[in-house]
Amino acid sequence: MIYYINAYTTLISAALGVCFSIEAVIKEKGSSQTNALYMFARSLALTCAAVIPVCRNAPTILFVATMAMLIVQIVDCIIGIVIKSKMRTVGPFIMAVCHAVCLLLSI
């Protein structure tokens, strides 16, 4: 049960990253759009990795994908603090806590 809670939490988090990056690709222009495309590529790769544990029992891949998403969410939280955006701080913080709890429960 904990395995699948972790797997779906990680997948949802990664999929949200893809959605935010698609939004950025659509909204941005010029070099900012290029940066958004790079963000999209990385988000898509993380989402593909996060799909594997949902489709197949793969605890090692799940651990790595969850750890990667934990790092992403922590960095996003720090960026939110730096740019003084409550929404871009609180959302990633909550997801980082979820990933940390999932990792602790799966050990």
PDB file of N, CA and C in Angstrom:
ATOM      1  N   MET A   1       0.829  -1.197   0.000  1.00  0.00           N
ATOM      2  CA  MET A   1       0.000   0.000   0.000  1.00  0.00           C
ATOM      3  C   MET A   1       0.875   1.264   0.000  1.00  0.00           C
ATOM      4  N   ILE A   2       1.877   1.306   0.893  1.00  0.00           N
ATOM      5  CA  ILE A   2       2.778   2.465   0.978  1.00  0.00           C
ATOM      6  C   ILE A   2       3.529   2.642  -0.342  1.00  0.00           C
ATOM      7  N   TYR A   3       3.897   1.528  -0.960  1.00  0.00           N
ATOM      8  CA  TYR A   3       4.602   1.596  -2.246  1.00  0.00           C
ATOM      9  C   TYR A   3       3.784   2.395  -3.259  1.00  0.00           C
ATOM     10  N   TYR A   4       2.510   2.083  -3.379  1.00  0.00           N
ATOM     11  CA  TYR A   4       1.685   2.757  -4.383  1.00  0.00           C
ATOM     12  C   TYR A   4       1.343   4.195  -4.006  1.00  0.00           C
ATOM     13  N   ILE A   5       1.223   4.482  -2.726  1.00  0.00           N
ATOM     14  CA  ILE A   5       1.042   5.877  -2.299  1.00  0.00           C
ATOM     15  C   ILE A   5       2.265   6.688  -2.732  1.00  0.00           C
ATOM     16  N   ASN A   6       3.444   6.131  -2.486  1.00  0.00           N
ATOM     17  CA  ASN A   6       4.692   6.781  -2.891  1.00  0.00           C
ATOM     18  C   ASN A   6       4.747   6.924  -4.412  1.00  0.00           C
ATOM     19  N   ALA A   7       4.420   5.843  -5.124  1.00  0.00           N
ATOM     20  CA  ALA A   7       4.503   5.853  -6.585  1.00  0.00           C
ATOM     21  C   ALA A   7       3.572   6.901  -7.188  1.00  0.00           C
ATOM     22  N   TYR A   8       2.347   6.955  -6.708  1.00  0.00           N
ATOM     23  CA  TYR A   8       1.399   7.924  -7.280  1.00  0.00           C
ATOM     24  C   TYR A   8       1.709   9.356  -6.855  1.00  0.00           C
ATOM     25  N   THR A   9       2.203   9.538  -5.646  1.00  0.00           N
ATOM     26  CA  THR A   9       2.615  10.872  -5.206  1.00  0.00           C
ATOM     27  C   THR A   9       3.741  11.386  -6.095  1.00  0.00           C
ATOM     28  N   THR A  10       4.707  10.534  -6.364  1.00  0.00           N
ATOM     29  CA  THR A  10       5.839  10.905  -7.215  1.00  0.00           C
ATOM     30  C   THR A  10       5.385  11.180  -8.640  1.00  0.00           C
ATOM     31  N   LEU A  11       4.505  10.337  -9.148  1.00  0.00           N
ATOM     32  CA  LEU A  11       4.004  10.530 -10.515  1.00  0.00           C
ATOM     33  C   LEU A  11       3.208  11.837 -10.638  1.00  0.00           C
ATOM     34  N   ILE A  12       2.346  12.110  -9.684  1.00  0.00           N
ATOM     35  CA  ILE A  12       1.553  13.343  -9.717  1.00  0.00           C
ATOM     36  C   ILE A  12       2.469  14.563  -9.659  1.00  0.00           C
ATOM     37  N   SER A  13       3.448  14.516  -8.781  1.00  0.00           N
ATOM     38  CA  SER A  13       4.388  15.621  -8.648  1.00  0.00           C
ATOM     39  C   SER A  13       5.148  15.859  -9.951  1.00  0.00           C
ATOM     40  N   ALA A  14       5.621  14.794 -10.558  1.00  0.00           N
ATOM     41  CA  ALA A  14       6.365  14.913 -11.819  1.00  0.00           C
ATOM     42  C   ALA A  14       5.448  15.405 -12.940  1.00  0.00           C
ATOM     43  N   ALA A  15       4.225  14.906 -12.991  1.00  0.00           N
ATOM     44  CA  ALA A  15       3.279  15.322 -14.027  1.00  0.00           C
ATOM     45  C   ALA A  15       2.925  16.806 -13.876  1.00  0.00           C
ATOM     46  N   LEU A  16       2.814  17.281 -12.650  1.00  0.00           N
ATOM     47  CA  LEU A  16       2.573  18.708 -12.429  1.00  0.00           C
ATOM     48  C   LEU A  16       3.724  19.534 -12.983  1.00  0.00           C
ATOM     49  N   GLY A  17       4.949  19.033 -12.829  1.00  0.00           N
ATOM     50  CA  GLY A  17       6.114  19.720 -13.391  1.00  0.00           C
ATOM     51  C   GLY A  17       6.010  19.836 -14.899  1.00  0.00           C
ATOM     52  N   VAL A  18       5.527  18.783 -15.561  1.00  0.00           N
ATOM     53  CA  VAL A  18       5.337  18.829 -17.009  1.00  0.00           C
ATOM     54  C   VAL A  18       4.280  19.879 -17.365  1.00  0.00           C
ATOM     55  N   CYS A  19       3.192  19.903 -16.606  1.00  0.00           N
ATOM     56  CA  CYS A  19       2.126  20.883 -16.876  1.00  0.00           C
ATOM     57  C   CYS A  19       2.633  22.311 -16.725  1.00  0.00           C
ATOM     58  N   PHE A  20       3.374  22.582 -15.655  1.00  0.00           N
ATOM     59  CA  PHE A  20       3.919  23.927 -15.451  1.00  0.00           C
ATOM     60  C   PHE A  20       4.916  24.292 -16.544  1.00  0.00           C
ATOM     61  N   SER A  21       5.706  23.310 -16.991  1.00  0.00           N
ATOM     62  CA  SER A  21       6.677  23.621 -18.040  1.00  0.00           C
ATOM     63  C   SER A  21       5.989  23.858 -19.382  1.00  0.00           C
ATOM     64  N   ILE A  22       4.910  23.135 -19.667  1.00  0.00           N
ATOM     65  CA  ILE A  22       4.153  23.385 -20.899  1.00  0.00           C
ATOM     66  C   ILE A  22       3.557  24.793 -20.863  1.00  0.00           C
ATOM     67  N   GLU A  23       3.021  25.177 -19.719  1.00  0.00           N
ATOM     68  CA  GLU A  23       2.488  26.526 -19.563  1.00  0.00           C
ATOM     69  C   GLU A  23       3.571  27.574 -19.843  1.00  0.00           C
ATOM     70  N   ALA A  24       4.765  27.341 -19.315  1.00  0.00           N
ATOM     71  CA  ALA A  24       5.873  28.274 -19.531  1.00  0.00           C
ATOM     72  C   ALA A  24       6.277  28.322 -21.002  1.00  0.00           C
ATOM     73  N   VAL A  25       6.293  27.180 -21.670  1.00  0.00           N
ATOM     74  CA  VAL A  25       6.646  27.154 -23.100  1.00  0.00           C
ATOM     75  C   VAL A  25       5.642  27.983 -23.899  1.00  0.00           C
ATOM     76  N   ILE A  26       4.370  27.874 -23.559  1.00  0.00           N
ATOM     77  CA  ILE A  26       3.327  28.608 -24.276  1.00  0.00           C
ATOM     78  C   ILE A  26       3.416  30.113 -23.997  1.00  0.00           C
ATOM     79  N   LYS A  27       3.653  30.481 -22.744  1.00  0.00           N
ATOM     80  CA  LYS A  27       3.641  31.897 -22.356  1.00  0.00           C
ATOM     81  C   LYS A  27       4.904  32.655 -22.735  1.00  0.00           C
ATOM     82  N   GLU A  28       6.048  32.000 -22.665  1.00  0.00           N
ATOM     83  CA  GLU A  28       7.323  32.703 -22.840  1.00  0.00           C
ATOM     84  C   GLU A  28       7.678  32.871 -24.308  1.00  0.00           C
ATOM     85  N   LYS A  29       8.569  33.818 -24.554  1.00  0.00           N
ATOM     86  CA  LYS A  29       9.075  34.083 -25.906  1.00  0.00           C
ATOM     87  C   LYS A  29      10.597  34.211 -25.850  1.00  0.00           C
ATOM     88  N   GLY A  30      11.248  33.990 -26.983  1.00  0.00           N
ATOM     89  CA  GLY A  30      12.694  34.181 -27.075  1.00  0.00           C
ATOM     90  C   GLY A  30      13.487  33.217 -26.218  1.00  0.00           C
ATOM     91  N   SER A  31      14.520  33.744 -25.545  1.00  0.00           N
ATOM     92  CA  SER A  31      15.399  32.891 -24.745  1.00  0.00           C
ATOM     93  C   SER A  31      14.675  32.307 -23.537  1.00  0.00           C
ATOM     94  N   SER A  32      13.676  33.003 -23.035  1.00  0.00           N
ATOM     95  CA  SER A  32      12.888  32.456 -21.918  1.00  0.00           C
ATOM     96  C   SER A  32      12.115  31.213 -22.372  1.00  0.00           C
ATOM     97  N   GLN A  33      11.643  31.227 -23.607  1.00  0.00           N
ATOM     98  CA  GLN A  33      10.942  30.055 -24.130  1.00  0.00           C
ATOM     99  C   GLN A  33      11.915  28.890 -24.309  1.00  0.00           C
ATOM    100  N   THR A  34      13.132  29.198 -24.736  1.00  0.00           N
ATOM    101  CA  THR A  34      14.158  28.160 -24.865  1.00  0.00           C
ATOM    102  C   THR A  34      14.423  27.521 -23.506  1.00  0.00           C
ATOM    103  N   ASN A  35      14.557  28.341 -22.477  1.00  0.00           N
ATOM    104  CA  ASN A  35      14.750  27.811 -21.119  1.00  0.00           C
ATOM    105  C   ASN A  35      13.556  26.962 -20.692  1.00  0.00           C
ATOM    106  N   ALA A  36      12.360  27.389 -21.048  1.00  0.00           N
ATOM    107  CA  ALA A  36      11.152  26.632 -20.712  1.00  0.00           C
ATOM    108  C   ALA A  36      11.147  25.284 -21.425  1.00  0.00           C
ATOM    109  N   LEU A  37      11.642  25.244 -22.650  1.00  0.00           N
ATOM    110  CA  LEU A  37      11.732  23.974 -23.377  1.00  0.00           C
ATOM    111  C   LEU A  37      12.707  23.016 -22.699  1.00  0.00           C
ATOM    112  N   TYR A  38      13.818  23.546 -22.207  1.00  0.00           N
ATOM    113  CA  TYR A  38      14.757  22.706 -21.448  1.00  0.00           C
ATOM    114  C   TYR A  38      14.091  22.187 -20.180  1.00  0.00           C
ATOM    115  N   MET A  39      13.334  23.044 -19.499  1.00  0.00           N
ATOM    116  CA  MET A  39      12.615  22.635 -18.301  1.00  0.00           C
ATOM    117  C   MET A  39      11.605  21.535 -18.654  1.00  0.00           C
ATOM    118  N   PHE A  40      10.930  21.689 -19.784  1.00  0.00           N
ATOM    119  CA  PHE A  40       9.971  20.680 -20.238  1.00  0.00           C
ATOM    120  C   PHE A  40      10.656  19.332 -20.469  1.00  0.00           C
ATOM    121  N   ALA A  41      11.808  19.350 -21.135  1.00  0.00           N
ATOM    122  CA  ALA A  41      12.531  18.104 -21.423  1.00  0.00           C
ATOM    123  C   ALA A  41      12.883  17.362 -20.138  1.00  0.00           C
ATOM    124  N   ARG A  42      13.367  18.088 -19.144  1.00  0.00           N
ATOM    125  CA  ARG A  42      13.747  17.458 -17.877  1.00  0.00           C
ATOM    126  C   ARG A  42      12.522  16.971 -17.121  1.00  0.00           C
ATOM    127  N   SER A  43      11.467  17.752 -17.132  1.00  0.00           N
ATOM    128  CA  SER A  43      10.231  17.357 -16.451  1.00  0.00           C
ATOM    129  C   SER A  43       9.632  16.115 -17.097  1.00  0.00           C
ATOM    130  N   LEU A  44       9.673  16.057 -18.419  1.00  0.00           N
ATOM    131  CA  LEU A  44       9.144  14.892 -19.124  1.00  0.00           C
ATOM    132  C   LEU A  44       9.946  13.638 -18.784  1.00  0.00           C
ATOM    133  N   ALA A  45      11.267  13.777 -18.716  1.00  0.00           N
ATOM    134  CA  ALA A  45      12.119  12.629 -18.369  1.00  0.00           C
ATOM    135  C   ALA A  45      11.805  12.127 -16.957  1.00  0.00           C
ATOM    136  N   LEU A  46      11.637  13.046 -16.007  1.00  0.00           N
ATOM    137  CA  LEU A  46      11.294  12.639 -14.637  1.00  0.00           C
ATOM    138  C   LEU A  46       9.926  11.963 -14.590  1.00  0.00           C
ATOM    139  N   THR A  47       8.992  12.474 -15.379  1.00  0.00           N
ATOM    140  CA  THR A  47       7.664  11.863 -15.411  1.00  0.00           C
ATOM    141  C   THR A  47       7.729  10.452 -15.998  1.00  0.00           C
ATOM    142  N   CYS A  48       8.495  10.274 -17.057  1.00  0.00           N
ATOM    143  CA  CYS A  48       8.659   8.929 -17.636  1.00  0.00           C
ATOM    144  C   CYS A  48       9.259   7.966 -16.619  1.00  0.00           C
ATOM    145  N   ALA A  49      10.238   8.435 -15.865  1.00  0.00           N
ATOM    146  CA  ALA A  49      10.835   7.588 -14.822  1.00  0.00           C
ATOM    147  C   ALA A  49       9.815   7.284 -13.722  1.00  0.00           C
ATOM    148  N   ALA A  50       8.951   8.241 -13.405  1.00  0.00           N
ATOM    149  CA  ALA A  50       7.955   8.056 -12.346  1.00  0.00           C
ATOM    150  C   ALA A  50       6.823   7.118 -12.766  1.00  0.00           C
ATOM    151  N   VAL A  51       6.624   6.950 -14.075  1.00  0.00           N
ATOM    152  CA  VAL A  51       5.573   6.048 -14.562  1.00  0.00           C
ATOM    153  C   VAL A  51       5.966   4.588 -14.328  1.00  0.00           C
ATOM    154  N   ILE A  52       7.232   4.285 -14.431  1.00  0.00           N
ATOM    155  CA  ILE A  52       7.708   2.894 -14.342  1.00  0.00           C
ATOM    156  C   ILE A  52       7.253   2.208 -13.053  1.00  0.00           C
ATOM    157  N   PRO A  53       7.462   2.802 -11.859  1.00  0.00           N
ATOM    158  CA  PRO A  53       7.038   2.111 -10.637  1.00  0.00           C
ATOM    159  C   PRO A  53       5.521   1.933 -10.508  1.00  0.00           C
ATOM    160  N   VAL A  54       4.747   2.756 -11.221  1.00  0.00           N
ATOM    161  CA  VAL A  54       3.299   2.595 -11.195  1.00  0.00           C
ATOM    162  C   VAL A  54       2.890   1.377 -12.022  1.00  0.00           C
ATOM    163  N   CYS A  55       3.570   1.166 -13.136  1.00  0.00           N
ATOM    164  CA  CYS A  55       3.240   0.071 -14.049  1.00  0.00           C
ATOM    165  C   CYS A  55       3.888  -1.257 -13.663  1.00  0.00           C
ATOM    166  N   ARG A  56       4.969  -1.180 -12.931  1.00  0.00           N
ATOM    167  CA  ARG A  56       5.742  -2.381 -12.606  1.00  0.00           C
ATOM    168  C   ARG A  56       6.351  -2.204 -11.216  1.00  0.00           C
ATOM    169  N   ASN A  57       6.400  -3.247 -10.447  1.00  0.00           N
ATOM    170  CA  ASN A  57       6.983  -3.156  -9.103  1.00  0.00           C
ATOM    171  C   ASN A  57       8.489  -2.948  -9.247  1.00  0.00           C
ATOM    172  N   ALA A  58       8.917  -1.716  -8.996  1.00  0.00           N
ATOM    173  CA  ALA A  58      10.325  -1.353  -9.165  1.00  0.00           C
ATOM    174  C   ALA A  58      10.746  -0.426  -8.024  1.00  0.00           C
ATOM    175  N   PRO A  59      10.970  -0.996  -6.829  1.00  0.00           N
ATOM    176  CA  PRO A  59      11.280  -0.167  -5.659  1.00  0.00           C
ATOM    177  C   PRO A  59      12.519   0.713  -5.817  1.00  0.00           C
ATOM    178  N   THR A  60      13.536   0.227  -6.487  1.00  0.00           N
ATOM    179  CA  THR A  60      14.755   1.021  -6.651  1.00  0.00           C
ATOM    180  C   THR A  60      14.497   2.235  -7.537  1.00  0.00           C
ATOM    181  N   ILE A  61      13.785   2.021  -8.639  1.00  0.00           N
ATOM    182  CA  ILE A  61      13.455   3.137  -9.522  1.00  0.00           C
ATOM    183  C   ILE A  61      12.547   4.122  -8.788  1.00  0.00           C
ATOM    184  N   LEU A  62      11.602   3.609  -8.006  1.00  0.00           N
ATOM    185  CA  LEU A  62      10.719   4.474  -7.238  1.00  0.00           C
ATOM    186  C   LEU A  62      11.518   5.323  -6.250  1.00  0.00           C
ATOM    187  N   PHE A  63      12.480   4.715  -5.567  1.00  0.00           N
ATOM    188  CA  PHE A  63      13.303   5.454  -4.609  1.00  0.00           C
ATOM    189  C   PHE A  63      14.062   6.576  -5.314  1.00  0.00           C
ATOM    190  N   VAL A  64      14.672   6.262  -6.447  1.00  0.00           N
ATOM    191  CA  VAL A  64      15.454   7.263  -7.191  1.00  0.00           C
ATOM    192  C   VAL A  64      14.548   8.375  -7.719  1.00  0.00           C
ATOM    193  N   ALA A  65      13.395   8.020  -8.275  1.00  0.00           N
ATOM    194  CA  ALA A  65      12.475   9.025  -8.806  1.00  0.00           C
ATOM    195  C   ALA A  65      11.933   9.914  -7.686  1.00  0.00           C
ATOM    196  N   THR A  66      11.607   9.315  -6.549  1.00  0.00           N
ATOM    197  CA  THR A  66      11.099  10.095  -5.417  1.00  0.00           C
ATOM    198  C   THR A  66      12.187  11.013  -4.871  1.00  0.00           C
ATOM    199  N   MET A  67      13.395  10.527  -4.779  1.00  0.00           N
ATOM    200  CA  MET A  67      14.510  11.357  -4.317  1.00  0.00           C
ATOM    201  C   MET A  67      14.744  12.519  -5.287  1.00  0.00           C
ATOM    202  N   ALA A  68      14.679  12.245  -6.578  1.00  0.00           N
ATOM    203  CA  ALA A  68      14.849  13.310  -7.576  1.00  0.00           C
ATOM    204  C   ALA A  68      13.753  14.360  -7.432  1.00  0.00           C
ATOM    205  N   MET A  69      12.522  13.919  -7.245  1.00  0.00           N
ATOM    206  CA  MET A  69      11.417  14.873  -7.088  1.00  0.00           C
ATOM    207  C   MET A  69      11.539  15.636  -5.768  1.00  0.00           C
ATOM    208  N   LEU A  70      12.050  15.007  -4.741  1.00  0.00           N
ATOM    209  CA  LEU A  70      12.289  15.708  -3.469  1.00  0.00           C
ATOM    210  C   LEU A  70      13.284  16.850  -3.695  1.00  0.00           C
ATOM    211  N   ILE A  71      14.354  16.565  -4.398  1.00  0.00           N
ATOM    212  CA  ILE A  71      15.362  17.598  -4.685  1.00  0.00           C
ATOM    213  C   ILE A  71      14.749  18.721  -5.521  1.00  0.00           C
ATOM    214  N   VAL A  72      13.992  18.363  -6.541  1.00  0.00           N
ATOM    215  CA  VAL A  72      13.341  19.371  -7.391  1.00  0.00           C
ATOM    216  C   VAL A  72      12.435  20.268  -6.553  1.00  0.00           C
ATOM    217  N   GLN A  73      11.633  19.660  -5.681  1.00  0.00           N
ATOM    218  CA  GLN A  73      10.686  20.443  -4.879  1.00  0.00           C
ATOM    219  C   GLN A  73      11.406  21.336  -3.864  1.00  0.00           C
ATOM    220  N   ILE A  74      12.486  20.848  -3.287  1.00  0.00           N
ATOM    221  CA  ILE A  74      13.255  21.677  -2.353  1.00  0.00           C
ATOM    222  C   ILE A  74      13.846  22.887  -3.080  1.00  0.00           C
ATOM    223  N   VAL A  75      14.420  22.646  -4.251  1.00  0.00           N
ATOM    224  CA  VAL A  75      14.998  23.759  -5.025  1.00  0.00           C
ATOM    225  C   VAL A  75      13.897  24.730  -5.457  1.00  0.00           C
ATOM    226  N   ASP A  76      12.747  24.205  -5.896  1.00  0.00           N
ATOM    227  CA  ASP A  76      11.628  25.077  -6.260  1.00  0.00           C
ATOM    228  C   ASP A  76      11.167  25.921  -5.069  1.00  0.00           C
ATOM    229  N   CYS A  77      11.151  25.332  -3.895  1.00  0.00           N
ATOM    230  CA  CYS A  77      10.783  26.057  -2.671  1.00  0.00           C
ATOM    231  C   CYS A  77      11.779  27.193  -2.402  1.00  0.00           C
ATOM    232  N   ILE A  78      13.042  26.896  -2.531  1.00  0.00           N
ATOM    233  CA  ILE A  78      14.076  27.920  -2.324  1.00  0.00           C
ATOM    234  C   ILE A  78      13.916  29.048  -3.344  1.00  0.00           C
ATOM    235  N   ILE A  79      13.637  28.692  -4.585  1.00  0.00           N
ATOM    236  CA  ILE A  79      13.409  29.715  -5.611  1.00  0.00           C
ATOM    237  C   ILE A  79      12.197  30.570  -5.231  1.00  0.00           C
ATOM    238  N   GLY A  80      11.141  29.937  -4.746  1.00  0.00           N
ATOM    239  CA  GLY A  80       9.965  30.677  -4.299  1.00  0.00           C
ATOM    240  C   GLY A  80      10.284  31.664  -3.199  1.00  0.00           C
ATOM    241  N   ILE A  81      11.164  31.258  -2.277  1.00  0.00           N
ATOM    242  CA  ILE A  81      11.587  32.159  -1.192  1.00  0.00           C
ATOM    243  C   ILE A  81      12.367  33.333  -1.776  1.00  0.00           C
ATOM    244  N   VAL A  82      13.296  33.032  -2.685  1.00  0.00           N
ATOM    245  CA  VAL A  82      14.138  34.084  -3.279  1.00  0.00           C
ATOM    246  C   VAL A  82      13.304  35.104  -4.049  1.00  0.00           C
ATOM    247  N   ILE A  83      12.302  34.633  -4.799  1.00  0.00           N
ATOM    248  CA  ILE A  83      11.487  35.567  -5.578  1.00  0.00           C
ATOM    249  C   ILE A  83      10.300  36.106  -4.770  1.00  0.00           C
ATOM    250  N   LYS A  84      10.238  35.716  -3.501  1.00  0.00           N
ATOM    251  CA  LYS A  84       9.205  36.206  -2.579  1.00  0.00           C
ATOM    252  C   LYS A  84       7.783  35.917  -3.069  1.00  0.00           C
ATOM    253  N   SER A  85       7.566  34.665  -3.480  1.00  0.00           N
ATOM    254  CA  SER A  85       6.250  34.224  -3.935  1.00  0.00           C
ATOM    255  C   SER A  85       5.734  33.147  -2.984  1.00  0.00           C
ATOM    256  N   LYS A  86       4.661  33.463  -2.265  1.00  0.00           N
ATOM    257  CA  LYS A  86       4.103  32.487  -1.317  1.00  0.00           C
ATOM    258  C   LYS A  86       3.658  31.208  -2.016  1.00  0.00           C
ATOM    259  N   MET A  87       2.969  31.367  -3.151  1.00  0.00           N
ATOM    260  CA  MET A  87       2.465  30.198  -3.861  1.00  0.00           C
ATOM    261  C   MET A  87       3.597  29.307  -4.363  1.00  0.00           C
ATOM    262  N   ARG A  88       4.664  29.923  -4.862  1.00  0.00           N
ATOM    263  CA  ARG A  88       5.794  29.148  -5.379  1.00  0.00           C
ATOM    264  C   ARG A  88       6.717  28.667  -4.266  1.00  0.00           C
ATOM    265  N   THR A  89       6.402  29.027  -3.042  1.00  0.00           N
ATOM    266  CA  THR A  89       7.134  28.513  -1.892  1.00  0.00           C
ATOM    267  C   THR A  89       6.341  27.409  -1.210  1.00  0.00           C
ATOM    268  N   VAL A  90       5.079  27.679  -0.935  1.00  0.00           N
ATOM    269  CA  VAL A  90       4.252  26.755  -0.155  1.00  0.00           C
ATOM    270  C   VAL A  90       3.959  25.467  -0.923  1.00  0.00           C
ATOM    271  N   GLY A  91       3.586  25.571  -2.200  1.00  0.00           N
ATOM    272  CA  GLY A  91       3.284  24.374  -2.995  1.00  0.00           C
ATOM    273  C   GLY A  91       4.448  23.392  -3.042  1.00  0.00           C
ATOM    274  N   PRO A  92       5.620  23.840  -3.475  1.00  0.00           N
ATOM    275  CA  PRO A  92       6.770  22.933  -3.490  1.00  0.00           C
ATOM    276  C   PRO A  92       7.155  22.427  -2.093  1.00  0.00           C
ATOM    277  N   PHE A  93       6.977  23.272  -1.067  1.00  0.00           N
ATOM    278  CA  PHE A  93       7.288  22.830   0.300  1.00  0.00           C
ATOM    279  C   PHE A  93       6.388  21.662   0.698  1.00  0.00           C
ATOM    280  N   ILE A  94       5.097  21.787   0.424  1.00  0.00           N
ATOM    281  CA  ILE A  94       4.157  20.710   0.754  1.00  0.00           C
ATOM    282  C   ILE A  94       4.519  19.432   0.004  1.00  0.00           C
ATOM    283  N   MET A  95       4.842  19.567  -1.282  1.00  0.00           N
ATOM    284  CA  MET A  95       5.224  18.379  -2.058  1.00  0.00           C
ATOM    285  C   MET A  95       6.539  17.786  -1.555  1.00  0.00           C
ATOM    286  N   ALA A  96       7.479  18.632  -1.156  1.00  0.00           N
ATOM    287  CA  ALA A  96       8.749  18.128  -0.614  1.00  0.00           C
ATOM    288  C   ALA A  96       8.500  17.332   0.663  1.00  0.00           C
ATOM    289  N   VAL A  97       7.620  17.836   1.507  1.00  0.00           N
ATOM    290  CA  VAL A  97       7.278  17.111   2.741  1.00  0.00           C
ATOM    291  C   VAL A  97       6.637  15.766   2.397  1.00  0.00           C
ATOM    292  N   CYS A  98       5.731  15.768   1.423  1.00  0.00           N
ATOM    293  CA  CYS A  98       5.098  14.509   0.997  1.00  0.00           C
ATOM    294  C   CYS A  98       6.134  13.505   0.506  1.00  0.00           C
ATOM    295  N   HIS A  99       7.081  13.979  -0.301  1.00  0.00           N
ATOM    296  CA  HIS A  99       8.130  13.076  -0.805  1.00  0.00           C
ATOM    297  C   HIS A  99       9.012  12.570   0.329  1.00  0.00           C
ATOM    298  N   ALA A 100       9.354  13.439   1.262  1.00  0.00           N
ATOM    299  CA  ALA A 100      10.195  13.028   2.392  1.00  0.00           C
ATOM    300  C   ALA A 100       9.469  11.982   3.243  1.00  0.00           C
ATOM    301  N   VAL A 101       8.200  12.192   3.500  1.00  0.00           N
ATOM    302  CA  VAL A 101       7.414  11.228   4.281  1.00  0.00           C
ATOM    303  C   VAL A 101       7.341   9.893   3.537  1.00  0.00           C
ATOM    304  N   CYS A 102       7.079   9.952   2.241  1.00  0.00           N
ATOM    305  CA  CYS A 102       7.027   8.721   1.439  1.00  0.00           C
ATOM    306  C   CYS A 102       8.357   7.953   1.510  1.00  0.00           C
ATOM    307  N   LEU A 103       9.457   8.676   1.414  1.00  0.00           N
ATOM    308  CA  LEU A 103      10.763   8.019   1.502  1.00  0.00           C
ATOM    309  C   LEU A 103      10.988   7.398   2.869  1.00  0.00           C
ATOM    310  N   LEU A 104      10.634   8.134   3.921  1.00  0.00           N
ATOM    311  CA  LEU A 104      10.803   7.611   5.280  1.00  0.00           C
ATOM    312  C   LEU A 104       9.944   6.378   5.527  1.00  0.00           C
ATOM    313  N   LEU A 105       8.727   6.382   5.014  1.00  0.00           N
ATOM    314  CA  LEU A 105       7.837   5.242   5.207  1.00  0.00           C
ATOM    315  C   LEU A 105       8.265   4.023   4.407  1.00  0.00           C
ATOM    316  N   SER A 106       8.981   4.254   3.316  1.00  0.00           N
ATOM    317  CA  SER A 106       9.373   3.120   2.461  1.00  0.00           C
ATOM    318  C   SER A 106      10.708   2.498   2.870  1.00  0.00           C
ATOM    319  N   ILE A 107      11.366   3.085   3.844  1.00  0.00           N
ATOM    320  CA  ILE A 107      12.656   2.531   4.277  1.00  0.00           C
ATOM    321  C   ILE A 107      12.426   1.332   5.179  1.00  0.00           C
TER     322      ILE A 107
END
